[in-house]
Amino acid sequence: MSLSAEYCSDKTGDWGGGGGGGALAHQRRLIRGLLVWATLLTLGLGTLITLHFIHRESPAPSEPQVWLRSVIYTLKNKETPLMVFSPYWKDTDKVKLLQWITVRPVFIEVEVKGKEKLMVKEDGQYFLYLQVTLHPQEKANHTITLQSEQREVILKGIINGSKGSTIFMANGIPLDSSDTLIVTCHPEAKIQAFHTETFLGVIKLSST
């Protein structure tokens, strides 16, 4: 996965607040560092998730700079409070509410029934990042939204099917222990289910 600094800036919002060209360049360097760490950890945990479910009897279908510094510092810690969620649907399914699985439910757990709701277990400051990749046959525009019951929309973006099939979004936000998260695709679409193409990552930066 390769993302330009301009693309990351667009998707994560204008966090700089008038710092000028030097501040913007510094922010982009922080974003690139974050994405490198997050991607490596995501791929590693995604592989672990895949191996875990292969061996089961019933296998599953296949703000601003302060936030960024905090994320990068946390990722460098050996005991990174990171959770990665992989798809729980088939490539051939038409998906509206995305379903997820994870090997290690620490501070967020997947609802047993339906696997669409992610239930926050601990108050804290979190960094969420989401990548969704549509099936190549999907040519229409699709809106991808990550929202919570308490804070409504956290991440939202549009995939222009005629120009590309993947979207990556990220945001830092406080979450309460009673909150739940869901990811939706509108209109419903075939979404790639391999863990390197579609995934959701959550990093707990601190407790509140």
N, C-alpha and C. Protein backbone atom coordinates (compact mmCIF):
# COMPACT_ATOMS: atom_id res chain seq x y z
N MET A 1 0.86 -1.19 0.00
CA MET A 1 0.00 0.00 0.00
C MET A 1 0.88 1.23 0.00
N SER A 2 0.71 2.11 -0.96
CA SER A 2 1.46 3.35 -1.02
C SER A 2 0.50 4.51 -1.09
N LEU A 3 0.73 5.51 -0.22
CA LEU A 3 -0.15 6.68 -0.16
C LEU A 3 0.68 7.94 -0.21
N SER A 4 0.28 8.89 -1.06
CA SER A 4 0.99 10.15 -1.12
C SER A 4 0.67 11.00 0.09
N ALA A 5 1.53 11.98 0.39
CA ALA A 5 1.28 12.86 1.53
C ALA A 5 0.02 13.67 1.30
N GLU A 6 -0.20 14.08 0.02
CA GLU A 6 -1.41 14.86 -0.26
C GLU A 6 -2.65 14.04 0.02
N TYR A 7 -2.62 12.73 -0.37
CA TYR A 7 -3.79 11.87 -0.15
C TYR A 7 -4.05 11.70 1.33
N CYS A 8 -3.00 11.46 2.10
CA CYS A 8 -3.17 11.30 3.54
C CYS A 8 -3.70 12.57 4.15
N SER A 9 -3.22 13.72 3.71
CA SER A 9 -3.69 14.99 4.25
C SER A 9 -5.16 15.19 3.98
N ASP A 10 -5.59 14.81 2.77
CA ASP A 10 -7.00 14.95 2.44
C ASP A 10 -7.86 14.07 3.32
N LYS A 11 -7.43 12.84 3.54
CA LYS A 11 -8.27 11.89 4.25
C LYS A 11 -8.27 12.09 5.74
N THR A 12 -7.20 12.64 6.30
CA THR A 12 -7.14 12.81 7.74
C THR A 12 -7.57 14.20 8.17
N GLY A 13 -7.80 15.09 7.23
CA GLY A 13 -8.31 16.40 7.57
C GLY A 13 -7.20 17.40 7.77
N ASP A 14 -7.57 18.71 7.87
CA ASP A 14 -6.59 19.78 8.07
C ASP A 14 -6.37 19.97 9.54
N TRP A 15 -5.30 19.36 10.05
CA TRP A 15 -5.02 19.42 11.48
C TRP A 15 -3.99 20.50 11.80
N GLY A 16 -3.40 21.12 10.79
CA GLY A 16 -2.25 21.97 11.03
C GLY A 16 -2.60 23.26 11.72
N GLY A 17 -3.74 23.93 11.34
CA GLY A 17 -4.16 25.14 12.01
C GLY A 17 -3.29 26.32 11.69
N GLY A 18 -2.81 26.51 10.42
CA GLY A 18 -2.11 27.71 10.03
C GLY A 18 -0.65 27.71 10.35
N GLY A 19 0.00 26.57 10.40
CA GLY A 19 1.41 26.49 10.74
C GLY A 19 2.33 26.80 9.58
N GLY A 20 1.78 27.01 8.37
CA GLY A 20 2.61 27.32 7.24
C GLY A 20 3.17 26.08 6.59
N GLY A 21 4.02 26.34 5.55
CA GLY A 21 4.56 25.22 4.78
C GLY A 21 5.42 24.29 5.60
N GLY A 22 6.24 24.85 6.53
CA GLY A 22 7.10 24.00 7.34
C GLY A 22 6.31 23.08 8.24
N ALA A 23 5.24 23.62 8.85
CA ALA A 23 4.40 22.79 9.73
C ALA A 23 3.71 21.70 8.94
N LEU A 24 3.24 22.05 7.70
CA LEU A 24 2.56 21.06 6.87
C LEU A 24 3.50 19.93 6.48
N ALA A 25 4.74 20.30 6.11
CA ALA A 25 5.71 19.27 5.73
C ALA A 25 6.03 18.37 6.92
N HIS A 26 6.14 18.97 8.12
CA HIS A 26 6.40 18.17 9.32
C HIS A 26 5.24 17.23 9.61
N GLN A 27 4.02 17.74 9.43
CA GLN A 27 2.84 16.91 9.67
C GLN A 27 2.81 15.73 8.71
N ARG A 28 3.18 15.98 7.44
CA ARG A 28 3.17 14.90 6.47
C ARG A 28 4.20 13.82 6.81
N ARG A 29 5.38 14.27 7.32
CA ARG A 29 6.37 13.28 7.73
C ARG A 29 5.86 12.42 8.87
N LEU A 30 5.16 13.04 9.81
CA LEU A 30 4.58 12.28 10.92
C LEU A 30 3.54 11.28 10.44
N ILE A 31 2.72 11.72 9.47
CA ILE A 31 1.70 10.83 8.92
C ILE A 31 2.33 9.64 8.22
N ARG A 32 3.39 9.91 7.42
CA ARG A 32 4.05 8.81 6.74
C ARG A 32 4.65 7.82 7.73
N GLY A 33 5.25 8.34 8.80
CA GLY A 33 5.80 7.45 9.81
C GLY A 33 4.74 6.59 10.47
N LEU A 34 3.59 7.22 10.76
CA LEU A 34 2.47 6.50 11.36
C LEU A 34 1.98 5.38 10.46
N LEU A 35 1.81 5.70 9.18
CA LEU A 35 1.28 4.70 8.24
C LEU A 35 2.22 3.52 8.07
N VAL A 36 3.54 3.79 8.08
CA VAL A 36 4.50 2.69 7.96
C VAL A 36 4.37 1.73 9.14
N TRP A 37 4.36 2.30 10.37
CA TRP A 37 4.24 1.46 11.57
C TRP A 37 2.91 0.73 11.59
N ALA A 38 1.83 1.46 11.33
CA ALA A 38 0.49 0.85 11.38
C ALA A 38 0.34 -0.25 10.35
N THR A 39 0.88 -0.02 9.14
CA THR A 39 0.77 -1.03 8.09
C THR A 39 1.52 -2.30 8.46
N LEU A 40 2.75 -2.15 8.97
CA LEU A 40 3.52 -3.33 9.34
C LEU A 40 2.84 -4.14 10.44
N LEU A 41 2.34 -3.43 11.46
CA LEU A 41 1.65 -4.13 12.54
C LEU A 41 0.35 -4.77 12.06
N THR A 42 -0.36 -4.06 11.18
CA THR A 42 -1.61 -4.61 10.64
C THR A 42 -1.37 -5.88 9.86
N LEU A 43 -0.37 -5.87 8.99
CA LEU A 43 -0.08 -7.06 8.20
C LEU A 43 0.31 -8.24 9.09
N GLY A 44 1.11 -7.95 10.12
CA GLY A 44 1.52 -9.03 11.01
C GLY A 44 0.36 -9.63 11.77
N LEU A 45 -0.48 -8.77 12.35
CA LEU A 45 -1.63 -9.28 13.10
C LEU A 45 -2.68 -9.87 12.19
N GLY A 46 -2.80 -9.32 10.97
CA GLY A 46 -3.74 -9.89 10.01
C GLY A 46 -3.37 -11.31 9.66
N THR A 47 -2.08 -11.55 9.47
CA THR A 47 -1.62 -12.91 9.19
C THR A 47 -1.92 -13.84 10.36
N LEU A 48 -1.71 -13.35 11.59
CA LEU A 48 -2.00 -14.15 12.77
C LEU A 48 -3.47 -14.52 12.84
N ILE A 49 -4.34 -13.54 12.51
CA ILE A 49 -5.79 -13.80 12.50
C ILE A 49 -6.12 -14.89 11.50
N THR A 50 -5.53 -14.78 10.30
CA THR A 50 -5.80 -15.77 9.25
C THR A 50 -5.40 -17.17 9.70
N LEU A 51 -4.19 -17.30 10.25
CA LEU A 51 -3.73 -18.61 10.71
C LEU A 51 -4.59 -19.15 11.83
N HIS A 52 -5.03 -18.25 12.70
CA HIS A 52 -5.87 -18.67 13.83
C HIS A 52 -7.16 -19.31 13.34
N PHE A 53 -7.80 -18.69 12.37
CA PHE A 53 -9.09 -19.19 11.91
C PHE A 53 -8.97 -20.34 10.92
N ILE A 54 -7.82 -20.48 10.27
CA ILE A 54 -7.61 -21.64 9.41
C ILE A 54 -7.64 -22.92 10.22
N HIS A 55 -7.12 -22.85 11.44
CA HIS A 55 -7.02 -24.05 12.27
C HIS A 55 -8.24 -24.30 13.14
N ARG A 56 -9.28 -23.51 12.96
CA ARG A 56 -10.52 -23.77 13.69
C ARG A 56 -11.32 -24.84 12.96
N GLU A 57 -12.20 -25.54 13.68
CA GLU A 57 -13.02 -26.57 13.07
C GLU A 57 -14.00 -25.99 12.06
N SER A 58 -14.52 -24.78 12.33
CA SER A 58 -15.43 -24.12 11.41
C SER A 58 -14.76 -22.85 10.92
N PRO A 59 -13.97 -22.91 9.85
CA PRO A 59 -13.21 -21.76 9.40
C PRO A 59 -14.09 -20.62 8.95
N ALA A 60 -13.66 -19.39 9.22
CA ALA A 60 -14.42 -18.21 8.80
C ALA A 60 -14.21 -17.93 7.33
N PRO A 61 -15.24 -17.30 6.67
CA PRO A 61 -15.03 -16.85 5.31
C PRO A 61 -13.83 -15.89 5.28
N SER A 62 -13.52 -17.07 3.65
CA SER A 62 -12.31 -16.30 3.57
C SER A 62 -12.50 -14.78 3.92
N GLU A 63 -5.30 18.44 17.69
CA GLU A 63 -5.23 17.71 17.55
C GLU A 63 -4.14 17.65 16.67
N PRO A 64 -4.26 17.06 15.88
CA PRO A 64 -3.21 17.47 14.99
C PRO A 64 -1.93 16.71 15.27
N GLN A 65 -0.81 17.51 15.31
CA GLN A 65 0.47 16.84 15.41
C GLN A 65 0.64 16.14 16.75
N VAL A 66 -0.06 16.63 17.78
CA VAL A 66 0.00 15.98 19.09
C VAL A 66 -0.51 14.55 18.98
N TRP A 67 -1.61 14.39 18.27
CA TRP A 67 -2.17 13.05 18.05
C TRP A 67 -1.14 12.16 17.35
N LEU A 68 -0.52 12.70 16.29
CA LEU A 68 0.39 11.89 15.50
C LEU A 68 1.63 11.49 16.29
N ARG A 69 2.19 12.44 17.06
CA ARG A 69 3.34 12.11 17.89
C ARG A 69 3.00 11.02 18.90
N SER A 70 1.80 11.16 19.48
CA SER A 70 1.36 10.19 20.47
C SER A 70 1.22 8.81 19.85
N VAL A 71 0.67 8.75 18.64
CA VAL A 71 0.50 7.47 17.96
C VAL A 71 1.85 6.82 17.66
N ILE A 72 2.77 7.61 17.08
CA ILE A 72 4.07 7.06 16.71
C ILE A 72 4.84 6.60 17.96
N TYR A 73 4.78 7.38 19.05
CA TYR A 73 5.43 6.99 20.30
C TYR A 73 4.84 5.67 20.81
N THR A 74 3.53 5.57 20.75
CA THR A 74 2.87 4.36 21.23
C THR A 74 3.25 3.15 20.40
N LEU A 75 3.33 3.33 19.07
CA LEU A 75 3.66 2.22 18.19
C LEU A 75 5.09 1.70 18.41
N LYS A 76 5.98 2.60 18.87
CA LYS A 76 7.35 2.18 19.11
C LYS A 76 7.50 1.40 20.41
N ASN A 77 6.48 1.47 21.25
CA ASN A 77 6.50 0.73 22.51
C ASN A 77 6.36 -0.76 22.23
N LYS A 78 7.09 -1.58 22.94
CA LYS A 78 7.05 -3.02 22.69
C LYS A 78 5.67 -3.60 22.97
N GLU A 79 4.94 -3.03 23.92
CA GLU A 79 3.62 -3.55 24.25
C GLU A 79 2.56 -2.63 23.63
N THR A 80 2.57 -2.56 22.33
CA THR A 80 1.66 -1.67 21.61
C THR A 80 0.21 -2.09 21.83
N PRO A 81 -0.63 -1.17 22.35
CA PRO A 81 -2.05 -1.49 22.54
C PRO A 81 -2.80 -1.36 21.21
N LEU A 82 -2.55 -2.31 20.33
CA LEU A 82 -3.12 -2.29 18.99
C LEU A 82 -4.03 -3.48 18.77
N MET A 83 -5.19 -3.22 18.18
CA MET A 83 -6.08 -4.29 17.76
C MET A 83 -6.35 -4.16 16.27
N VAL A 84 -6.35 -5.29 15.57
CA VAL A 84 -6.65 -5.30 14.14
C VAL A 84 -7.82 -6.23 13.89
N PHE A 85 -8.76 -5.74 13.10
CA PHE A 85 -9.96 -6.51 12.76
C PHE A 85 -9.93 -6.85 11.28
N SER A 86 -10.17 -8.11 10.97
CA SER A 86 -10.17 -8.59 9.59
C SER A 86 -11.59 -8.90 9.13
N PRO A 87 -11.82 -8.92 7.81
CA PRO A 87 -13.17 -9.15 7.27
C PRO A 87 -13.74 -10.52 7.64
N TYR A 88 -15.04 -10.57 7.83
CA TYR A 88 -15.74 -11.82 8.11
C TYR A 88 -16.89 -11.98 7.11
N TRP A 89 -16.53 -11.97 5.84
CA TRP A 89 -17.50 -12.21 4.78
C TRP A 89 -16.76 -12.82 3.59
N LYS A 90 -17.50 -13.25 2.59
CA LYS A 90 -16.90 -13.82 1.39
C LYS A 90 -16.78 -12.75 0.31
N ASP A 91 -15.79 -12.92 -0.58
CA ASP A 91 -15.61 -11.97 -1.68
C ASP A 91 -16.84 -11.86 -2.55
N THR A 92 -17.63 -12.91 -2.60
CA THR A 92 -18.81 -12.92 -3.47
C THR A 92 -20.04 -12.29 -2.82
N ASP A 93 -19.96 -11.97 -1.52
CA ASP A 93 -21.11 -11.39 -0.81
C ASP A 93 -21.29 -9.91 -1.15
N LYS A 94 -22.54 -9.47 -1.22
CA LYS A 94 -22.85 -8.05 -1.27
C LYS A 94 -22.95 -7.57 0.17
N VAL A 95 -22.11 -6.59 0.52
CA VAL A 95 -21.97 -6.19 1.92
C VAL A 95 -22.45 -4.76 2.12
N LYS A 96 -23.26 -4.57 3.17
CA LYS A 96 -23.68 -3.23 3.58
C LYS A 96 -23.13 -2.90 4.97
N LEU A 97 -23.33 -3.83 5.90
CA LEU A 97 -22.75 -3.71 7.24
C LEU A 97 -21.56 -4.65 7.30
N LEU A 98 -20.37 -4.09 7.46
CA LEU A 98 -19.17 -4.92 7.45
C LEU A 98 -19.04 -5.68 8.75
N GLN A 99 -18.68 -6.96 8.64
CA GLN A 99 -18.52 -7.83 9.79
C GLN A 99 -17.02 -8.09 10.03
N TRP A 100 -16.65 -8.28 11.29
CA TRP A 100 -15.23 -8.35 11.64
C TRP A 100 -14.91 -9.51 12.57
N ILE A 101 -13.65 -9.90 12.54
CA ILE A 101 -13.12 -10.88 13.50
C ILE A 101 -11.78 -10.36 14.02
N THR A 102 -11.41 -10.80 15.21
CA THR A 102 -10.10 -10.48 15.76
C THR A 102 -9.67 -11.62 16.67
N VAL A 103 -8.36 -11.84 16.76
CA VAL A 103 -7.85 -12.92 17.58
C VAL A 103 -7.82 -12.55 19.05
N ARG A 104 -7.51 -11.25 19.32
CA ARG A 104 -7.24 -10.85 20.72
C ARG A 104 -8.12 -9.67 21.10
N PRO A 105 -9.34 -9.92 21.58
CA PRO A 105 -10.22 -8.82 22.00
C PRO A 105 -9.77 -8.22 23.32
N VAL A 106 -9.08 -7.08 23.27
CA VAL A 106 -8.54 -6.48 24.48
C VAL A 106 -9.45 -5.37 24.98
N PHE A 107 -9.40 -4.20 24.35
CA PHE A 107 -10.21 -3.06 24.77
C PHE A 107 -11.43 -2.84 23.89
N ILE A 108 -11.55 -3.62 22.82
CA ILE A 108 -12.75 -3.61 21.97
C ILE A 108 -13.06 -5.06 21.62
N GLU A 109 -14.32 -5.43 21.70
CA GLU A 109 -14.68 -6.79 21.36
C GLU A 109 -15.78 -6.81 20.30
N VAL A 110 -15.80 -7.88 19.52
CA VAL A 110 -16.80 -8.03 18.46
C VAL A 110 -18.06 -8.65 19.03
N GLU A 111 -19.19 -8.06 18.67
CA GLU A 111 -20.47 -8.63 19.09
C GLU A 111 -20.59 -10.06 18.55
N VAL A 112 -20.94 -10.98 19.40
CA VAL A 112 -21.01 -12.39 19.01
C VAL A 112 -22.06 -12.59 17.92
N LYS A 113 -23.21 -12.02 18.08
CA LYS A 113 -24.29 -12.17 17.10
C LYS A 113 -24.14 -11.14 15.99
N GLY A 114 -23.91 -11.60 14.79
CA GLY A 114 -23.81 -10.71 13.64
C GLY A 114 -22.41 -10.23 13.32
N LYS A 115 -21.59 -10.03 14.35
CA LYS A 115 -20.20 -9.58 14.19
C LYS A 115 -20.08 -8.24 13.47
N GLU A 116 -21.14 -7.41 13.54
CA GLU A 116 -21.12 -6.11 12.89
C GLU A 116 -20.77 -4.98 13.86
N LYS A 117 -21.13 -5.15 15.14
CA LYS A 117 -20.87 -4.12 16.14
C LYS A 117 -19.58 -4.43 16.88
N LEU A 118 -18.77 -3.37 17.05
CA LEU A 118 -17.55 -3.46 17.85
C LEU A 118 -17.79 -2.69 19.14
N MET A 119 -17.74 -3.37 20.25
CA MET A 119 -18.11 -2.78 21.53
C MET A 119 -16.87 -2.34 22.31
N VAL A 120 -16.82 -1.04 22.63
CA VAL A 120 -15.69 -0.46 23.36
C VAL A 120 -15.79 -0.86 24.83
N LYS A 121 -14.72 -1.42 25.37
CA LYS A 121 -14.72 -1.89 26.75
C LYS A 121 -14.05 -0.93 27.71
N GLU A 122 -13.19 -0.03 27.20
CA GLU A 122 -12.42 0.86 28.07
C GLU A 122 -12.48 2.29 27.56
N ASP A 123 -12.68 3.25 28.50
CA ASP A 123 -12.57 4.67 28.14
C ASP A 123 -11.14 4.97 27.72
N GLY A 124 -10.98 5.90 26.77
CA GLY A 124 -9.63 6.28 26.38
C GLY A 124 -9.57 7.12 25.14
N GLN A 125 -8.35 7.54 24.81
CA GLN A 125 -8.06 8.23 23.56
C GLN A 125 -7.61 7.16 22.55
N TYR A 126 -8.25 7.14 21.40
CA TYR A 126 -7.99 6.10 20.41
C TYR A 126 -7.61 6.69 19.06
N PHE A 127 -6.84 5.94 18.30
CA PHE A 127 -6.55 6.27 16.91
C PHE A 127 -7.11 5.13 16.06
N LEU A 128 -8.02 5.46 15.15
CA LEU A 128 -8.66 4.46 14.31
C LEU A 128 -8.23 4.66 12.86
N TYR A 129 -7.91 3.57 12.18
CA TYR A 129 -7.61 3.65 10.75
C TYR A 129 -8.33 2.52 10.01
N LEU A 130 -8.82 2.84 8.84
CA LEU A 130 -9.68 1.92 8.10
C LEU A 130 -9.29 1.91 6.63
N GLN A 131 -9.13 0.73 6.08
CA GLN A 131 -8.96 0.58 4.64
C GLN A 131 -10.03 -0.35 4.11
N VAL A 132 -10.66 0.04 3.00
CA VAL A 132 -11.68 -0.78 2.35
C VAL A 132 -11.35 -0.86 0.87
N THR A 133 -11.37 -2.04 0.31
CA THR A 133 -11.11 -2.25 -1.11
C THR A 133 -12.29 -2.96 -1.75
N LEU A 134 -12.87 -2.34 -2.76
CA LEU A 134 -14.00 -2.93 -3.47
C LEU A 134 -13.52 -3.96 -4.49
N HIS A 135 -14.43 -4.84 -4.84
CA HIS A 135 -14.17 -5.79 -5.93
C HIS A 135 -13.99 -5.03 -7.23
N PRO A 136 -13.09 -5.46 -8.12
CA PRO A 136 -12.86 -4.75 -9.38
C PRO A 136 -14.11 -4.54 -10.23
N GLN A 137 -15.11 -5.38 -10.06
CA GLN A 137 -16.34 -5.24 -10.83
C GLN A 137 -17.19 -4.05 -10.38
N GLU A 138 -16.94 -3.54 -9.20
CA GLU A 138 -17.73 -2.43 -8.67
C GLU A 138 -17.24 -1.11 -9.27
N LYS A 139 -18.06 -0.49 -10.13
CA LYS A 139 -17.66 0.74 -10.83
C LYS A 139 -18.40 1.98 -10.34
N ALA A 140 -19.44 1.80 -9.55
CA ALA A 140 -20.22 2.95 -9.05
C ALA A 140 -19.51 3.58 -7.86
N ASN A 141 -19.99 4.77 -7.45
CA ASN A 141 -19.46 5.42 -6.25
C ASN A 141 -20.07 4.78 -5.00
N HIS A 142 -19.23 4.58 -4.00
CA HIS A 142 -19.69 4.00 -2.74
C HIS A 142 -19.17 4.83 -1.57
N THR A 143 -20.03 5.04 -0.58
CA THR A 143 -19.66 5.80 0.62
C THR A 143 -19.34 4.84 1.75
N ILE A 144 -18.16 4.97 2.30
CA ILE A 144 -17.72 4.12 3.42
C ILE A 144 -17.74 4.98 4.69
N THR A 145 -18.40 4.49 5.73
CA THR A 145 -18.56 5.27 6.96
C THR A 145 -18.24 4.42 8.18
N LEU A 146 -17.43 4.97 9.06
CA LEU A 146 -17.20 4.39 10.38
C LEU A 146 -17.84 5.32 11.39
N GLN A 147 -18.80 4.81 12.15
CA GLN A 147 -19.50 5.66 13.09
C GLN A 147 -19.71 4.96 14.42
N SER A 148 -19.98 5.77 15.44
CA SER A 148 -20.28 5.23 16.76
C SER A 148 -21.67 5.68 17.18
N GLU A 149 -22.24 4.97 18.12
CA GLU A 149 -23.58 5.32 18.58
C GLU A 149 -23.59 6.66 19.30
N GLN A 150 -22.50 6.99 20.00
CA GLN A 150 -22.46 8.22 20.80
C GLN A 150 -21.93 9.42 20.02
N ARG A 151 -20.94 9.19 19.16
CA ARG A 151 -20.28 10.32 18.48
C ARG A 151 -20.62 10.40 17.00
N GLU A 152 -21.51 9.55 16.56
CA GLU A 152 -21.95 9.52 15.17
C GLU A 152 -20.76 9.28 14.23
N VAL A 153 -20.60 10.08 13.18
CA VAL A 153 -19.59 9.78 12.15
C VAL A 153 -18.17 10.09 12.64
N ILE A 154 -17.29 9.10 12.55
CA ILE A 154 -15.88 9.26 12.89
C ILE A 154 -15.03 9.36 11.62
N LEU A 155 -15.31 8.49 10.66
CA LEU A 155 -14.63 8.50 9.37
C LEU A 155 -15.67 8.37 8.26
N LYS A 156 -15.47 9.11 7.17
CA LYS A 156 -16.39 8.99 6.03
C LYS A 156 -15.66 9.37 4.75
N GLY A 157 -15.79 8.56 3.74
CA GLY A 157 -15.15 8.84 2.47
C GLY A 157 -15.87 8.15 1.33
N ILE A 158 -15.59 8.59 0.11
CA ILE A 158 -16.24 8.05 -1.08
C ILE A 158 -15.19 7.37 -1.98
N ILE A 159 -15.50 6.16 -2.40
CA ILE A 159 -14.69 5.47 -3.39
C ILE A 159 -15.31 5.72 -4.76
N ASN A 160 -14.58 6.36 -5.64
CA ASN A 160 -15.02 6.56 -7.02
C ASN A 160 -14.64 5.32 -7.82
N GLY A 161 -15.61 4.47 -8.07
CA GLY A 161 -15.35 3.19 -8.71
C GLY A 161 -14.74 3.28 -10.08
N SER A 162 -14.95 4.40 -10.77
CA SER A 162 -14.40 4.55 -12.12
C SER A 162 -12.92 4.93 -12.10
N LYS A 163 -12.40 5.35 -10.94
CA LYS A 163 -11.00 5.79 -10.85
C LYS A 163 -10.15 4.90 -9.95
N GLY A 164 -10.76 4.22 -9.02
CA GLY A 164 -10.00 3.39 -8.09
C GLY A 164 -10.93 2.55 -7.26
N SER A 165 -10.36 1.67 -6.45
CA SER A 165 -11.20 0.75 -5.68
C SER A 165 -10.90 0.76 -4.20
N THR A 166 -9.91 1.55 -3.74
CA THR A 166 -9.48 1.51 -2.35
C THR A 166 -9.55 2.87 -1.69
N ILE A 167 -9.95 2.90 -0.44
CA ILE A 167 -9.92 4.12 0.36
C ILE A 167 -9.25 3.82 1.69
N PHE A 168 -8.45 4.78 2.17
CA PHE A 168 -7.82 4.67 3.48
C PHE A 168 -8.13 5.94 4.26
N MET A 169 -8.59 5.80 5.49
CA MET A 169 -8.96 6.94 6.34
C MET A 169 -8.45 6.69 7.74
N ALA A 170 -8.19 7.79 8.48
CA ALA A 170 -7.72 7.67 9.86
C ALA A 170 -8.14 8.88 10.66
N ASN A 171 -8.29 8.68 11.97
CA ASN A 171 -8.70 9.78 12.84
C ASN A 171 -8.43 9.40 14.29
N GLY A 172 -8.09 10.43 15.11
CA GLY A 172 -7.94 10.23 16.54
C GLY A 172 -9.15 10.79 17.26
N ILE A 173 -9.65 10.04 18.25
CA ILE A 173 -10.89 10.43 18.91
C ILE A 173 -11.02 9.76 20.27
N PRO A 174 -11.64 10.44 21.26
CA PRO A 174 -11.92 9.77 22.54
C PRO A 174 -13.16 8.88 22.41
N LEU A 175 -13.12 7.74 23.06
CA LEU A 175 -14.26 6.82 23.05
C LEU A 175 -14.58 6.41 24.48
N ASP A 176 -15.87 6.20 24.75
CA ASP A 176 -16.33 5.77 26.07
C ASP A 176 -16.56 4.27 26.09
N SER A 177 -16.51 3.70 27.27
CA SER A 177 -16.63 2.25 27.41
C SER A 177 -18.00 1.72 27.01
N SER A 178 -19.00 2.58 26.96
CA SER A 178 -20.34 2.13 26.59
C SER A 178 -20.64 2.31 25.11
N ASP A 179 -19.65 2.74 24.33
CA ASP A 179 -19.88 3.05 22.92
C ASP A 179 -19.74 1.81 22.04
N THR A 180 -20.33 1.87 20.85
CA THR A 180 -20.16 0.81 19.86
C THR A 180 -19.81 1.42 18.51
N LEU A 181 -19.08 0.67 17.70
CA LEU A 181 -18.64 1.13 16.39
C LEU A 181 -19.21 0.22 15.31
N ILE A 182 -19.57 0.81 14.16
CA ILE A 182 -19.97 0.02 13.00
C ILE A 182 -19.38 0.64 11.75
N VAL A 183 -19.15 -0.18 10.74
CA VAL A 183 -18.66 0.29 9.44
C VAL A 183 -19.69 -0.09 8.39
N THR A 184 -20.09 0.88 7.56
CA THR A 184 -21.10 0.62 6.54
C THR A 184 -20.59 0.98 5.15
N CYS A 185 -21.18 0.35 4.14
CA CYS A 185 -20.91 0.65 2.74
C CYS A 185 -22.25 0.94 2.07
N HIS A 186 -22.37 2.11 1.45
CA HIS A 186 -23.62 2.49 0.77
C HIS A 186 -23.33 2.99 -0.64
N PRO A 187 -23.99 2.41 -1.65
CA PRO A 187 -24.84 1.23 -1.56
C PRO A 187 -24.02 -0.04 -1.30
N GLU A 188 -24.70 -1.12 -1.01
CA GLU A 188 -23.99 -2.36 -0.72
C GLU A 188 -23.13 -2.77 -1.92
N ALA A 189 -22.06 -3.47 -1.66
CA ALA A 189 -21.12 -3.82 -2.72
C ALA A 189 -20.34 -5.07 -2.35
N LYS A 190 -19.70 -5.65 -3.36
CA LYS A 190 -18.75 -6.73 -3.11
C LYS A 190 -17.45 -6.09 -2.63
N ILE A 191 -16.99 -6.50 -1.46
CA ILE A 191 -15.79 -5.92 -0.85
C ILE A 191 -14.75 -7.02 -0.67
N GLN A 192 -13.53 -6.73 -1.08
CA GLN A 192 -12.46 -7.71 -0.95
C GLN A 192 -12.28 -8.12 0.51
N ALA A 193 -12.17 -9.41 0.75
CA ALA A 193 -12.16 -9.93 2.12
C ALA A 193 -10.78 -10.34 2.60
N PHE A 194 -9.74 -10.16 1.77
CA PHE A 194 -8.39 -10.52 2.22
C PHE A 194 -7.88 -9.46 3.19
N HIS A 195 -7.17 -9.88 4.24
CA HIS A 195 -6.85 -8.98 5.35
C HIS A 195 -5.87 -7.87 4.99
N THR A 196 -5.15 -7.97 3.87
CA THR A 196 -4.27 -6.88 3.45
C THR A 196 -4.99 -5.87 2.56
N GLU A 197 -6.21 -6.17 2.13
CA GLU A 197 -6.97 -5.28 1.26
C GLU A 197 -8.05 -4.51 2.02
N THR A 198 -8.64 -5.16 3.00
CA THR A 198 -9.66 -4.52 3.83
C THR A 198 -9.37 -4.84 5.29
N PHE A 199 -9.28 -3.79 6.11
CA PHE A 199 -8.98 -4.02 7.53
C PHE A 199 -9.34 -2.77 8.34
N LEU A 200 -9.50 -2.97 9.63
CA LEU A 200 -9.74 -1.89 10.58
C LEU A 200 -8.75 -2.04 11.72
N GLY A 201 -8.03 -0.95 12.03
CA GLY A 201 -7.08 -0.99 13.13
C GLY A 201 -7.45 0.05 14.18
N VAL A 202 -7.25 -0.31 15.44
CA VAL A 202 -7.54 0.60 16.56
C VAL A 202 -6.35 0.59 17.51
N ILE A 203 -5.80 1.77 17.76
CA ILE A 203 -4.68 1.93 18.68
C ILE A 203 -5.16 2.72 19.90
N LYS A 204 -4.97 2.18 21.08
CA LYS A 204 -5.33 2.91 22.29
C LYS A 204 -4.13 3.73 22.73
N LEU A 205 -4.27 5.05 22.67
CA LEU A 205 -3.17 5.95 22.98
C LEU A 205 -3.02 6.18 24.48
N SER A 206 -4.15 6.31 25.18
CA SER A 206 -4.10 6.56 26.63
C SER A 206 -5.47 6.29 27.23
N SER A 207 -5.51 6.13 28.53
CA SER A 207 -6.77 5.98 29.26
C SER A 207 -7.24 7.34 29.73
N THR A 208 -8.55 7.46 29.94
CA THR A 208 -9.10 8.74 30.42
C THR A 208 -9.72 8.56 31.78
